[in-house]
Amino acid sequence: MTRVCLLGEAESTLQYELLSRETAREALATYDLTRPFENAIALRTVSVGAAVSLLNDLDWYLTRFVDEALVQEPSVSDTEWLSRPLATQLRNGDVEPAETAEFCKVYGLEPINADDDDGDTDSGDDSETAGGPTDRLVEPLYVRRTDGELPAYDLRDVEDTLVVRVTEAEFT
């Protein structure tokens, strides 16, 4: 199953913005939505083509409320995500899965503290399965994979990272 993750803009509450509008709500109604990160919504589709089609259907909302749309395709990587433009190129056959790994954007993952009060955390159990995020994405670092290895994330001290493969145009 292909995953889609929408990262909301800082000045909006993504879940509210998408689900309060009829067209977006209807487009998302058939999916089981989760919140893997602060101000993010994730779902599963049947293929990269279905993921790109959904993103195209939601384009009006993505332009206004989403900072970044990510796609995770198991035939490419089980751990790394693709940017929307790269997923579109993959779906269109413009790029092969093996050709997607060179340019990356690496986000730091920072735990959300229980005492943070930004209006986006749920009270109680904050696990993804309970619907609440446990991490927030922080400052992306653009890196180029050399000899099959990614440089270390060094913008701040984080326990984990999220790797997003991007197009060369997004990298420059």
Protein backbone atom coordinates (compact mmCIF):
# COMPACT_ATOMS: atom_id res chain seq x y z
CA MET A 1 0.00 0.00 0.00
CA THR A 2 1.21 3.48 -0.87
CA ARG A 3 1.08 6.09 1.88
CA VAL A 4 0.32 9.78 1.54
CA CYS A 5 1.24 12.34 4.19
CA LEU A 6 0.15 15.97 4.10
CA LEU A 7 2.19 18.39 6.20
CA GLY A 8 0.16 21.45 7.17
CA GLU A 9 1.39 25.02 7.00
CA ALA A 10 2.35 26.47 10.38
CA GLU A 11 -0.44 29.07 10.35
CA SER A 12 -3.24 26.54 9.71
CA THR A 13 -4.68 23.51 11.48
CA LEU A 14 -4.63 21.02 8.63
CA GLN A 15 -7.21 18.55 9.92
CA TYR A 16 -9.75 21.31 10.52
CA GLU A 17 -9.07 23.03 7.20
CA LEU A 18 -9.50 19.86 5.14
CA LEU A 19 -12.38 18.25 6.98
CA SER A 20 -14.43 21.43 7.34
CA ARG A 21 -14.73 21.77 3.56
CA GLU A 22 -17.22 19.53 1.78
CA THR A 23 -15.20 18.71 -1.34
CA ALA A 24 -12.04 17.80 0.58
CA ARG A 25 -14.03 15.90 3.21
CA GLU A 26 -15.75 13.85 0.48
CA ALA A 27 -12.42 13.13 -1.27
CA LEU A 28 -10.94 11.89 2.03
CA ALA A 29 -14.07 10.07 3.30
CA THR A 30 -13.04 6.63 2.01
CA TYR A 31 -9.63 6.73 3.70
CA ASP A 32 -8.61 5.91 7.25
CA LEU A 33 -6.86 9.12 8.35
CA THR A 34 -4.07 9.16 10.92
CA ARG A 35 -1.93 11.95 12.39
CA PRO A 36 1.68 10.69 12.33
CA PHE A 37 3.21 14.12 13.03
CA GLU A 38 2.06 17.40 14.47
CA ASN A 39 -0.25 19.22 12.00
CA ALA A 40 -0.13 16.34 9.50
CA ILE A 41 -2.61 13.87 8.04
CA ALA A 42 -1.68 10.50 6.56
CA LEU A 43 -3.60 7.83 4.68
CA ARG A 44 -3.05 4.72 2.55
CA THR A 45 -3.91 4.30 -1.12
CA VAL A 46 -3.63 1.31 -3.44
CA SER A 47 -0.85 2.68 -5.66
CA VAL A 48 1.37 5.62 -6.44
CA GLY A 49 -1.05 6.47 -9.25
CA ALA A 50 -3.97 6.62 -6.82
CA ALA A 51 -1.88 8.74 -4.44
CA VAL A 52 -0.98 11.27 -7.15
CA SER A 53 -4.60 11.34 -8.36
CA LEU A 54 -5.83 12.08 -4.83
CA LEU A 55 -3.28 14.86 -4.48
CA ASN A 56 -4.41 16.29 -7.81
CA ASP A 57 -8.05 16.17 -6.62
CA LEU A 58 -7.07 18.04 -3.45
CA ASP A 59 -4.80 20.55 -5.22
CA TRP A 60 -6.91 23.63 -4.36
CA TYR A 61 -6.65 22.77 -0.65
CA LEU A 62 -3.00 21.74 -0.85
CA THR A 63 -2.11 25.12 -2.32
CA ARG A 64 -3.76 26.93 0.59
CA PHE A 65 -3.17 24.76 3.66
CA VAL A 66 -0.39 22.23 2.98
CA ASP A 67 3.31 22.94 3.24
CA GLU A 68 4.30 19.64 1.63
CA ALA A 69 2.63 16.51 0.25
CA LEU A 70 4.63 13.29 0.59
CA VAL A 71 4.17 9.83 -0.93
CA GLN A 72 5.74 6.60 0.34
CA GLU A 73 5.83 3.86 -2.28
CA PRO A 74 7.03 0.41 -1.03
CA SER A 75 8.49 -0.47 -4.46
CA VAL A 76 10.86 2.49 -4.02
CA SER A 77 11.57 2.41 -0.27
CA ASP A 78 9.90 1.21 2.92
CA THR A 79 11.40 4.03 4.97
CA GLU A 80 11.91 7.01 2.67
CA TRP A 81 9.23 9.27 1.22
CA LEU A 82 8.91 10.93 -2.18
CA SER A 83 8.00 14.55 -2.78
CA ARG A 84 4.82 15.09 -4.78
CA PRO A 85 6.72 16.14 -7.95
CA LEU A 86 8.96 13.06 -7.73
CA ALA A 87 5.97 10.75 -7.13
CA THR A 88 4.30 12.30 -10.19
CA GLN A 89 7.42 11.67 -12.29
CA LEU A 90 7.50 8.07 -11.04
CA ARG A 91 3.82 7.55 -11.87
CA ASN A 92 4.29 9.03 -15.35
CA GLY A 93 7.29 6.79 -16.05
CA ASP A 94 9.65 9.75 -16.36
CA VAL A 95 11.98 8.30 -13.71
CA GLU A 96 12.77 4.78 -12.51
CA PRO A 97 12.62 3.90 -8.79
CA ALA A 98 16.39 3.36 -8.65
CA GLU A 99 16.94 6.90 -10.00
CA THR A 100 15.09 8.62 -7.14
CA ALA A 101 17.64 8.33 -4.33
CA GLU A 102 20.27 10.99 -5.09
CA PHE A 103 18.60 14.22 -3.89
CA CYS A 104 16.98 14.29 -0.45
CA LYS A 105 15.40 16.57 2.08
CA VAL A 106 15.91 15.31 5.63
CA TYR A 107 13.65 16.51 8.43
CA GLY A 108 14.56 16.18 12.07
CA LEU A 109 11.92 14.47 14.23
CA GLU A 110 11.43 16.11 17.61
CA PRO A 111 9.18 14.62 20.30
CA ILE A 112 6.17 16.69 21.29
CA ASN A 113 6.33 17.45 24.99
CA ALA A 114 3.18 16.86 27.01
CA ASP A 115 3.35 20.44 28.30
CA ASP A 116 3.44 21.95 24.78
CA ASP A 117 0.18 23.83 24.21
CA ASP A 118 -0.07 24.63 20.52
CA GLY A 119 -3.63 23.48 20.03
CA ASP A 120 -2.70 20.58 17.76
CA THR A 121 -1.99 17.85 20.29
CA ASP A 122 -4.62 15.55 21.72
CA SER A 123 -5.01 14.97 25.43
CA GLY A 124 -4.41 11.49 26.70
CA ASP A 125 -2.64 8.81 24.66
CA ASP A 126 -0.63 10.42 21.85
CA SER A 127 0.15 7.30 19.82
CA GLU A 128 -0.51 7.32 16.09
CA THR A 129 -3.14 4.62 16.48
CA ALA A 130 -5.01 6.76 18.99
CA GLY A 131 -5.03 9.58 16.44
CA GLY A 132 -2.54 11.89 18.12
CA PRO A 133 0.96 12.71 16.94
CA THR A 134 4.02 12.08 19.07
CA ASP A 135 6.56 13.95 16.92
CA ARG A 136 6.92 17.19 14.99
CA LEU A 137 9.04 17.71 11.91
CA VAL A 138 11.73 20.38 12.26
CA GLU A 139 14.08 22.23 9.89
CA PRO A 140 14.72 20.29 6.71
CA LEU A 141 18.28 19.76 5.55
CA TYR A 142 18.87 19.32 1.82
CA VAL A 143 21.50 16.64 1.18
CA ARG A 144 22.87 14.68 -1.73
CA ARG A 145 23.45 10.97 -1.34
CA THR A 146 27.06 10.05 -2.08
CA ASP A 147 28.30 6.47 -2.39
CA GLY A 148 24.86 5.31 -1.27
CA GLU A 149 25.07 7.18 2.06
CA LEU A 150 23.21 10.22 3.33
CA PRO A 151 25.13 12.82 5.32
CA ALA A 152 24.06 13.08 8.96
CA TYR A 153 21.35 15.55 9.96
CA ASP A 154 23.21 18.25 11.88
CA LEU A 155 20.88 21.24 12.19
CA ARG A 156 19.89 20.30 15.74
CA ASP A 157 20.09 17.35 18.10
CA VAL A 158 17.26 14.94 17.18
CA GLU A 159 16.61 11.31 17.95
CA ASP A 160 15.35 10.41 14.47
CA THR A 161 14.91 11.80 10.98
CA LEU A 162 12.46 11.55 8.09
CA VAL A 163 14.00 11.30 4.61
CA VAL A 164 12.14 12.68 1.60
CA ARG A 165 13.51 12.05 -1.88
CA VAL A 166 13.13 15.11 -4.09
CA THR A 167 13.69 16.04 -7.72
CA GLU A 168 16.87 17.78 -8.78
CA ALA A 169 14.81 20.94 -9.45
CA GLU A 170 13.49 20.91 -5.86
CA PHE A 171 17.02 20.40 -4.58
CA THR A 172 18.52 23.44 -6.30
